[in-house]
Amino acid sequence: MNNNRKIVLQDGRELYGKSFGAERDTVCELVFNTSMVGYQEIVSDPSYTD
């Protein structure tokens, strides 16, 4: 399985990395968080949903 993926920003910049989870193309909001702990809660926090 090849999990290399990229994120394309609105200004055209491309960020490369590794994916996890479902394999599909999607358009969504990107959330950035600098917390040192609690990432599990951030991933499941309903305030980050539509």
N, C-alpha and C. Protein backbone atom coordinates (compact mmCIF):
# COMPACT_ATOMS: atom_id res chain seq x y z
N MET A 1 0.84 -1.18 0.00
CA MET A 1 0.00 0.00 0.00
C MET A 1 0.89 1.24 0.00
N ASN A 2 0.64 2.15 -0.91
CA ASN A 2 1.37 3.41 -0.98
C ASN A 2 0.56 4.47 -0.25
N ASN A 3 1.07 4.97 0.87
CA ASN A 3 0.33 5.97 1.62
C ASN A 3 0.93 7.37 1.47
N ASN A 4 1.71 7.60 0.42
CA ASN A 4 2.21 8.95 0.14
C ASN A 4 1.07 9.81 -0.37
N ARG A 5 0.89 10.97 0.20
CA ARG A 5 -0.21 11.87 -0.19
C ARG A 5 0.28 13.31 -0.18
N LYS A 6 -0.55 14.20 -0.73
CA LYS A 6 -0.23 15.62 -0.67
C LYS A 6 -1.49 16.41 -0.34
N ILE A 7 -1.27 17.55 0.29
CA ILE A 7 -2.33 18.52 0.56
C ILE A 7 -2.04 19.71 -0.33
N VAL A 8 -3.03 20.16 -1.09
CA VAL A 8 -2.89 21.32 -1.96
C VAL A 8 -3.65 22.47 -1.32
N LEU A 9 -2.93 23.55 -0.98
CA LEU A 9 -3.54 24.70 -0.35
C LEU A 9 -4.19 25.61 -1.40
N GLN A 10 -5.04 26.51 -0.94
CA GLN A 10 -5.78 27.40 -1.83
C GLN A 10 -4.85 28.23 -2.71
N ASP A 11 -3.67 28.59 -2.18
CA ASP A 11 -2.74 29.40 -2.96
C ASP A 11 -1.85 28.57 -3.89
N GLY A 12 -2.12 27.25 -3.96
CA GLY A 12 -1.40 26.38 -4.87
C GLY A 12 -0.21 25.65 -4.27
N ARG A 13 0.19 26.01 -3.06
CA ARG A 13 1.30 25.29 -2.42
C ARG A 13 0.90 23.85 -2.14
N GLU A 14 1.87 22.95 -2.25
CA GLU A 14 1.63 21.53 -2.02
C GLU A 14 2.49 21.05 -0.86
N LEU A 15 1.87 20.33 0.07
CA LEU A 15 2.56 19.75 1.22
C LEU A 15 2.49 18.24 1.10
N TYR A 16 3.62 17.56 1.23
CA TYR A 16 3.68 16.11 1.06
C TYR A 16 3.85 15.42 2.40
N GLY A 17 3.26 14.23 2.52
CA GLY A 17 3.38 13.47 3.75
C GLY A 17 2.79 12.08 3.59
N LYS A 18 2.53 11.43 4.71
CA LYS A 18 1.96 10.08 4.75
C LYS A 18 0.52 10.16 5.22
N SER A 19 -0.34 9.32 4.66
CA SER A 19 -1.75 9.32 5.03
C SER A 19 -2.05 8.20 6.01
N PHE A 20 -3.20 8.34 6.67
CA PHE A 20 -3.73 7.27 7.51
C PHE A 20 -5.24 7.35 7.42
N GLY A 21 -5.91 6.25 7.64
CA GLY A 21 -7.37 6.24 7.56
C GLY A 21 -7.86 5.86 6.17
N ALA A 22 -9.04 6.34 5.82
CA ALA A 22 -9.69 5.98 4.56
C ALA A 22 -8.88 6.49 3.37
N GLU A 23 -8.87 5.70 2.30
CA GLU A 23 -8.19 6.09 1.07
C GLU A 23 -9.20 6.68 0.10
N ARG A 24 -9.27 8.01 0.04
CA ARG A 24 -10.16 8.69 -0.89
C ARG A 24 -9.74 10.14 -1.02
N ASP A 25 -10.12 10.75 -2.13
CA ASP A 25 -9.88 12.18 -2.32
C ASP A 25 -10.97 12.94 -1.58
N THR A 26 -10.60 14.09 -1.02
CA THR A 26 -11.59 14.89 -0.30
C THR A 26 -11.20 16.36 -0.33
N VAL A 27 -12.18 17.21 -0.16
CA VAL A 27 -11.97 18.65 -0.02
C VAL A 27 -12.49 19.02 1.35
N CYS A 28 -11.65 19.67 2.16
CA CYS A 28 -12.07 19.98 3.53
C CYS A 28 -11.25 21.13 4.10
N GLU A 29 -11.62 21.53 5.29
CA GLU A 29 -10.90 22.54 6.03
C GLU A 29 -9.71 21.88 6.73
N LEU A 30 -8.57 22.54 6.73
CA LEU A 30 -7.38 22.04 7.40
C LEU A 30 -7.29 22.70 8.77
N VAL A 31 -7.16 21.91 9.82
CA VAL A 31 -7.06 22.42 11.19
C VAL A 31 -5.64 22.23 11.68
N PHE A 32 -5.06 23.29 12.21
CA PHE A 32 -3.69 23.25 12.75
C PHE A 32 -3.76 23.50 14.24
N ASN A 33 -3.12 22.66 15.03
CA ASN A 33 -3.14 22.80 16.48
C ASN A 33 -1.74 22.55 17.01
N THR A 34 -1.28 23.37 17.94
CA THR A 34 0.08 23.26 18.47
C THR A 34 0.14 22.63 19.86
N SER A 35 -0.91 21.98 20.29
CA SER A 35 -0.92 21.36 21.62
C SER A 35 0.16 20.29 21.73
N MET A 36 0.77 20.21 22.90
CA MET A 36 1.80 19.20 23.15
C MET A 36 1.20 17.88 23.62
N VAL A 37 0.01 17.92 24.19
CA VAL A 37 -0.67 16.71 24.68
C VAL A 37 -2.14 16.79 24.28
N GLY A 38 -2.83 15.67 24.37
CA GLY A 38 -4.27 15.66 24.12
C GLY A 38 -4.67 15.53 22.67
N TYR A 39 -3.75 15.06 21.80
CA TYR A 39 -4.08 14.97 20.38
C TYR A 39 -5.25 14.04 20.11
N GLN A 40 -5.44 13.03 20.97
CA GLN A 40 -6.57 12.11 20.78
C GLN A 40 -7.89 12.87 20.90
N GLU A 41 -7.97 13.78 21.85
CA GLU A 41 -9.18 14.58 22.02
C GLU A 41 -9.39 15.54 20.86
N ILE A 42 -8.31 16.09 20.33
CA ILE A 42 -8.41 17.02 19.21
C ILE A 42 -8.98 16.32 17.98
N VAL A 43 -8.51 15.11 17.70
CA VAL A 43 -8.96 14.37 16.53
C VAL A 43 -10.46 14.08 16.60
N SER A 44 -10.98 13.85 17.79
CA SER A 44 -12.40 13.51 17.94
C SER A 44 -13.27 14.67 18.42
N ASP A 45 -12.72 15.88 18.52
CA ASP A 45 -13.47 17.04 19.01
C ASP A 45 -14.53 17.46 18.00
N PRO A 46 -15.82 17.46 18.38
CA PRO A 46 -16.88 17.82 17.42
C PRO A 46 -16.83 19.27 16.97
N SER A 47 -16.12 20.14 17.67
CA SER A 47 -16.04 21.54 17.24
C SER A 47 -15.25 21.70 15.95
N TYR A 48 -14.50 20.67 15.54
CA TYR A 48 -13.75 20.72 14.29
C TYR A 48 -14.53 20.15 13.11
N THR A 49 -15.79 19.80 13.30
CA THR A 49 -16.61 19.26 12.21
C THR A 49 -17.36 20.38 11.51
N ASP A 50 -18.01 20.05 10.43
CA ASP A 50 -18.78 21.06 9.67
C ASP A 50 -19.86 21.66 10.49
